[in-house]
Each structure stands twice: as C-alpha cells, then as structure tokens.
C-alpha atoms as a PDB file:
ATOM      1  CA  MET A   1     -24.339 -12.862   9.937  1.00  0.00           C
ATOM      2  CA  ARG A   2     -25.044 -16.422   8.168  1.00  0.00           C
ATOM      3  CA  MET A   3     -22.479 -18.701   7.018  1.00  0.00           C
ATOM      4  CA  PRO A   4     -23.012 -18.695   3.014  1.00  0.00           C
ATOM      5  CA  LEU A   5     -21.560 -22.459   3.137  1.00  0.00           C
ATOM      6  CA  LEU A   6     -25.347 -23.046   4.045  1.00  0.00           C
ATOM      7  CA  GLU A   7     -27.108 -21.991   1.048  1.00  0.00           C
ATOM      8  CA  ALA A   8     -27.695 -24.906  -1.266  1.00  0.00           C
ATOM      9  CA  SER A   9     -26.071 -23.742  -4.864  1.00  0.00           C
ATOM     10  CA  ARG A  10     -23.355 -21.336  -5.762  1.00  0.00           C
ATOM     11  CA  GLU A  11     -25.660 -18.204  -6.726  1.00  0.00           C
ATOM     12  CA  GLU A  12     -27.266 -18.784  -3.332  1.00  0.00           C
ATOM     13  CA  ARG A  13     -24.405 -17.921  -1.605  1.00  0.00           C
ATOM     14  CA  LEU A  14     -22.798 -15.476  -3.067  1.00  0.00           C
ATOM     15  CA  LEU A  15     -26.068 -13.789  -3.336  1.00  0.00           C
ATOM     16  CA  GLN A  16     -25.791 -14.327   0.486  1.00  0.00           C
ATOM     17  CA  ILE A  17     -22.314 -12.786   0.594  1.00  0.00           C
ATOM     18  CA  SER A  18     -23.558  -9.860  -1.535  1.00  0.00           C
ATOM     19  CA  ASN A  19     -26.565  -8.503   0.514  1.00  0.00           C
ATOM     20  CA  GLN A  20     -24.318  -9.237   3.769  1.00  0.00           C
ATOM     21  CA  PHE A  21     -21.256  -6.710   2.294  1.00  0.00           C
ATOM     22  CA  ARG A  22     -24.200  -4.472   0.748  1.00  0.00           C
ATOM     23  CA  HIS A  23     -25.882  -4.241   4.793  1.00  0.00           C
ATOM     24  CA  PHE A  24     -22.084  -3.657   6.152  1.00  0.00           C
ATOM     25  CA  PHE A  25     -21.300  -0.791   3.393  1.00  0.00           C
ATOM     26  CA  ASN A  26     -24.776   0.542   4.329  1.00  0.00           C
ATOM     27  CA  SER A  27     -24.583   0.759   8.128  1.00  0.00           C
ATOM     28  CA  THR A  28     -23.072   3.530  10.259  1.00  0.00           C
ATOM     29  CA  LEU A  29     -20.240   0.951  11.549  1.00  0.00           C
ATOM     30  CA  LEU A  30     -18.558   1.125   8.960  1.00  0.00           C
ATOM     31  CA  VAL A  31     -18.724   5.393   9.352  1.00  0.00           C
ATOM     32  CA  GLY A  32     -18.296   4.413  12.940  1.00  0.00           C
ATOM     33  CA  ALA A  33     -15.135   2.723  12.398  1.00  0.00           C
ATOM     34  CA  ALA A  34     -13.740   5.121   9.532  1.00  0.00           C
ATOM     35  CA  ALA A  35     -14.233   8.317  12.334  1.00  0.00           C
ATOM     36  CA  VAL A  36     -12.282   6.183  15.330  1.00  0.00           C
ATOM     37  CA  PHE A  37      -9.400   5.688  13.175  1.00  0.00           C
ATOM     38  CA  SER A  38      -9.622   9.237  11.541  1.00  0.00           C
ATOM     39  CA  GLY A  39      -9.922  10.319  15.477  1.00  0.00           C
ATOM     40  CA  ASN A  40      -7.183   7.878  16.638  1.00  0.00           C
ATOM     41  CA  ALA A  41      -5.249   9.857  13.757  1.00  0.00           C
ATOM     42  CA  LEU A  42      -5.909  13.327  14.868  1.00  0.00           C
ATOM     43  CA  VAL A  43      -5.070  12.180  18.265  1.00  0.00           C
ATOM     44  CA  ALA A  44      -1.752  11.037  17.786  1.00  0.00           C
ATOM     45  CA  SER A  45      -0.792  13.999  15.301  1.00  0.00           C
ATOM     46  CA  ILE A  46      -1.668  16.315  18.279  1.00  0.00           C
ATOM     47  CA  LEU A  47       0.465  14.339  20.838  1.00  0.00           C
ATOM     48  CA  LYS A  48       2.950  13.592  18.445  1.00  0.00           C
ATOM     49  CA  LYS A  49       2.205  10.007  19.188  1.00  0.00           C
ATOM     50  CA  GLU A  50       2.766   7.418  16.195  1.00  0.00           C
ATOM     51  CA  VAL A  51       0.100   5.028  16.498  1.00  0.00           C
ATOM     52  CA  VAL A  52       0.982   1.335  15.304  1.00  0.00           C
ATOM     53  CA  PHE A  53      -1.193  -1.768  15.009  1.00  0.00           C
ATOM     54  CA  PRO A  54       0.437  -4.575  16.633  1.00  0.00           C
ATOM     55  CA  ALA A  55       1.680  -7.511  14.809  1.00  0.00           C
ATOM     56  CA  ALA A  56      -0.659  -9.525  14.335  1.00  0.00           C
ATOM     57  CA  VAL A  57       1.018 -12.228  11.608  1.00  0.00           C
ATOM     58  CA  THR A  58       4.367 -12.518   9.826  1.00  0.00           C
ATOM     59  CA  LEU A  59       2.823 -14.883   6.449  1.00  0.00           C
ATOM     60  CA  VAL A  60      -0.745 -14.622   4.601  1.00  0.00           C
ATOM     61  CA  HIS A  61      -1.550 -17.196   1.874  1.00  0.00           C
ATOM     62  CA  SER A  62      -4.410 -17.288   0.261  1.00  0.00           C
ATOM     63  CA  ASN A  63      -5.822 -19.450  -2.135  1.00  0.00           C
ATOM     64  CA  ILE A  64      -8.739 -17.258  -4.573  1.00  0.00           C
ATOM     65  CA  ALA A  65     -11.369 -19.387  -6.527  1.00  0.00           C
ATOM     66  CA  ILE A  66     -12.202 -17.632  -9.676  1.00  0.00           C
ATOM     67  CA  PHE A  67     -15.559 -18.057 -10.916  1.00  0.00           C
ATOM     68  CA  GLU A  68     -16.917 -19.513 -14.319  1.00  0.00           C
ATOM     69  CA  GLU A  69     -16.971 -18.015 -17.113  1.00  0.00           C
ATOM     70  CA  ASP A  70     -21.002 -17.790 -17.149  1.00  0.00           C
ATOM     71  CA  GLY A  71     -20.068 -14.970 -14.126  1.00  0.00           C
ATOM     72  CA  CYS A  72     -22.417 -14.392 -11.590  1.00  0.00           C
ATOM     73  CA  GLU A  73     -23.937 -10.593  -9.893  1.00  0.00           C
ATOM     74  CA  PHE A  74     -21.478  -9.304  -7.291  1.00  0.00           C
ATOM     75  CA  PHE A  75     -22.796  -6.192  -4.820  1.00  0.00           C
ATOM     76  CA  GLY A  76     -25.663  -5.477  -7.824  1.00  0.00           C
ATOM     77  CA  ASN A  77     -22.687  -5.611 -10.688  1.00  0.00           C
ATOM     78  CA  PRO A  78     -22.039  -8.724 -13.092  1.00  0.00           C
ATOM     79  CA  VAL A  79     -18.389 -10.275 -12.569  1.00  0.00           C
ATOM     80  CA  GLU A  80     -16.730 -12.496 -14.435  1.00  0.00           C
ATOM     81  CA  ARG A  81     -12.850 -13.029 -12.772  1.00  0.00           C
ATOM     82  CA  VAL A  82     -11.782 -11.445  -9.966  1.00  0.00           C
ATOM     83  CA  LEU A  83      -8.659  -9.969  -9.043  1.00  0.00           C
ATOM     84  CA  PRO A  84      -7.285  -9.337  -5.615  1.00  0.00           C
ATOM     85  CA  ILE A  85      -5.008  -6.502  -4.842  1.00  0.00           C
ATOM     86  CA  VAL A  86      -2.498  -7.431  -2.459  1.00  0.00           C
ATOM     87  CA  GLY A  87      -0.935  -5.269   0.275  1.00  0.00           C
ATOM     88  CA  LEU A  88       0.240  -5.386   3.361  1.00  0.00           C
ATOM     89  CA  LEU A  89      -0.580  -3.772   7.120  1.00  0.00           C
ATOM     90  CA  GLN A  90       2.147  -1.461   8.416  1.00  0.00           C
ATOM     91  CA  THR A  91       4.171  -3.909  10.402  1.00  0.00           C
ATOM     92  CA  SER A  92       1.317  -6.504  10.920  1.00  0.00           C
ATOM     93  CA  CYS A  93       2.473  -9.089   7.995  1.00  0.00           C
ATOM     94  CA  SER A  94       5.813  -9.046   6.386  1.00  0.00           C
ATOM     95  CA  LEU A  95       4.998 -11.716   3.399  1.00  0.00           C
ATOM     96  CA  MET A  96       1.702 -12.795   1.537  1.00  0.00           C
ATOM     97  CA  ILE A  97       1.528 -15.076  -1.397  1.00  0.00           C
ATOM     98  CA  THR A  98      -1.784 -15.389  -3.400  1.00  0.00           C
ATOM     99  CA  ASN A  99      -1.863 -17.956  -6.108  1.00  0.00           C
ATOM    100  CA  LEU A 100      -4.954 -17.603  -8.149  1.00  0.00           C
ATOM    101  CA  SER A 101      -6.036 -20.152 -10.877  1.00  0.00           C
ATOM    102  CA  TYR A 102      -8.268 -20.550 -13.619  1.00  0.00           C
ATOM    103  CA  LYS A 103      -9.247 -22.186 -16.856  1.00  0.00           C
ATOM    104  CA  GLY A 104      -5.716 -24.540 -15.786  1.00  0.00           C
ATOM    105  CA  LYS A 105      -3.898 -21.451 -15.645  1.00  0.00           C
ATOM    106  CA  MET A 106      -2.409 -20.354 -12.524  1.00  0.00           C
ATOM    107  CA  GLY A 107      -0.744 -16.752 -11.667  1.00  0.00           C
ATOM    108  CA  ILE A 108       1.242 -15.848  -8.407  1.00  0.00           C
ATOM    109  CA  SER A 109       1.514 -12.653  -6.495  1.00  0.00           C
ATOM    110  CA  VAL A 110       4.216 -12.510  -3.794  1.00  0.00           C
ATOM    111  CA  THR A 111       3.385  -9.194  -1.474  1.00  0.00           C
ATOM    112  CA  ALA A 112       6.573  -8.135   0.787  1.00  0.00           C
ATOM    113  CA  ASP A 113       8.036  -5.905   3.036  1.00  0.00           C
ATOM    114  CA  LYS A 114      11.247  -4.184   2.119  1.00  0.00           C
ATOM    115  CA  THR A 115      12.907  -5.029   5.453  1.00  0.00           C
ATOM    116  CA  LEU A 116      12.070  -8.602   4.907  1.00  0.00           C
ATOM    117  CA  PHE A 117      14.618  -9.356   1.758  1.00  0.00           C
ATOM    118  CA  SER A 118      18.062  -7.551   1.791  1.00  0.00           C
ATOM    119  CA  ASP A 119      18.028  -7.179  -2.492  1.00  0.00           C
ATOM    120  CA  LYS A 120      16.109  -7.550  -5.414  1.00  0.00           C
ATOM    121  CA  GLU A 121      17.633 -10.496  -6.165  1.00  0.00           C
ATOM    122  CA  GLU A 122      16.977 -12.496  -2.544  1.00  0.00           C
ATOM    123  CA  LEU A 123      13.426 -11.369  -3.562  1.00  0.00           C
ATOM    124  CA  GLU A 124      13.485 -13.026  -6.996  1.00  0.00           C
ATOM    125  CA  GLY A 125      15.026 -15.697  -5.272  1.00  0.00           C
ATOM    126  CA  VAL A 126      11.905 -16.518  -3.082  1.00  0.00           C
ATOM    127  CA  ILE A 127       9.956 -16.098  -6.297  1.00  0.00           C
ATOM    128  CA  ASN A 128      11.338 -18.661  -8.148  1.00  0.00           C
ATOM    129  CA  ASP A 129      11.264 -21.023  -5.051  1.00  0.00           C
ATOM    130  CA  ILE A 130       8.019 -20.735  -5.285  1.00  0.00           C
ATOM    131  CA  THR A 131       7.158 -21.407  -8.512  1.00  0.00           C
ATOM    132  CA  ASP A 132       9.685 -24.249  -8.941  1.00  0.00           C
ATOM    133  CA  GLU A 133       8.147 -26.204  -5.737  1.00  0.00           C
ATOM    134  CA  ILE A 134       4.403 -25.877  -7.502  1.00  0.00           C
ATOM    135  CA  ASN A 135       5.999 -26.888 -10.735  1.00  0.00           C
ATOM    136  CA  LYS A 136       7.286 -30.146  -8.877  1.00  0.00           C
ATOM    137  CA  LEU A 137       3.703 -30.435  -7.024  1.00  0.00           C
ATOM    138  CA  GLY A 138       2.440 -30.273 -10.859  1.00  0.00           C
ATOM    139  CA  GLN A 139       4.751 -33.353 -11.811  1.00  0.00           C
ATOM    140  CA  ILE A 140       3.700 -35.575  -8.915  1.00  0.00           C
ATOM    141  CA  LYS A 141       0.715 -37.794 -10.352  1.00  0.00           C
END
C-alpha cells in the first residue's frame, strides 16, 4: 500500500485511500481472514475452549478530523461528515477516548470496559475530568 501523504492535494489523498480500501474489500484477503476467524471459533467451540485475543493496549486516544463542508467521495459515495463508531475488543483495550472537532465545535466519546469503573458515578467523574482539562486548554492563549 502506498502512503496517502505522498499525494499533493486532499482529494488525491482521499481518492488513494478509497482505492486502497476498495481493493482490500474486493480481495480474497478479507474472505480468508473471515474464514480463519470463523474456523478458530468452530474449533474453539468443538474443544470447549475460550479463544481470547491477548491484551494489546490499555488506552486508545484518537483525534479524528472531519471533512470540510464541500464534502468528498469515499468508497464511491459522497461524504460530508465522518462519525466514528467507538468499540472495544474483548480484553484488548480498556478505555478509548475519541474527540471530534469541526467548525469550532467539539464532541467527545468515551468508551470503557465495565470492569474498569466501579459504578456510573466514577465513569462520569472521569468524563468530567476530561472536559475540564479541555476547557482549561481552551482558556490558555
């Protein structure tokens, strides 16, 4: 795969990314990966053993840029805004924080493993701490 950063304009970079994903999703690699995971699940159920992916990370933070109002084409479809769906892999990631910023607005998504916090109030406290830190950064000029 080529690095999309080598392209001159944003449209060329997005077109390159779109073409690479289109090639990947139309290739036999994706079908092969799905077959391997399905096969592992079948073997695990026959042997009555739980297959767990090893812990890779404990925290993921992502800042996702939103496209401008003129939009672009992604996977052959017109796109004006990108909204990620945040999820956690079993035993692989305990906490994920995603912040989206566009046109002077910001959205924050915090997803956590239930076992990480003792109750709802503790999770809300962490979320409030995150927003307080962002507010403090906004006051620094």
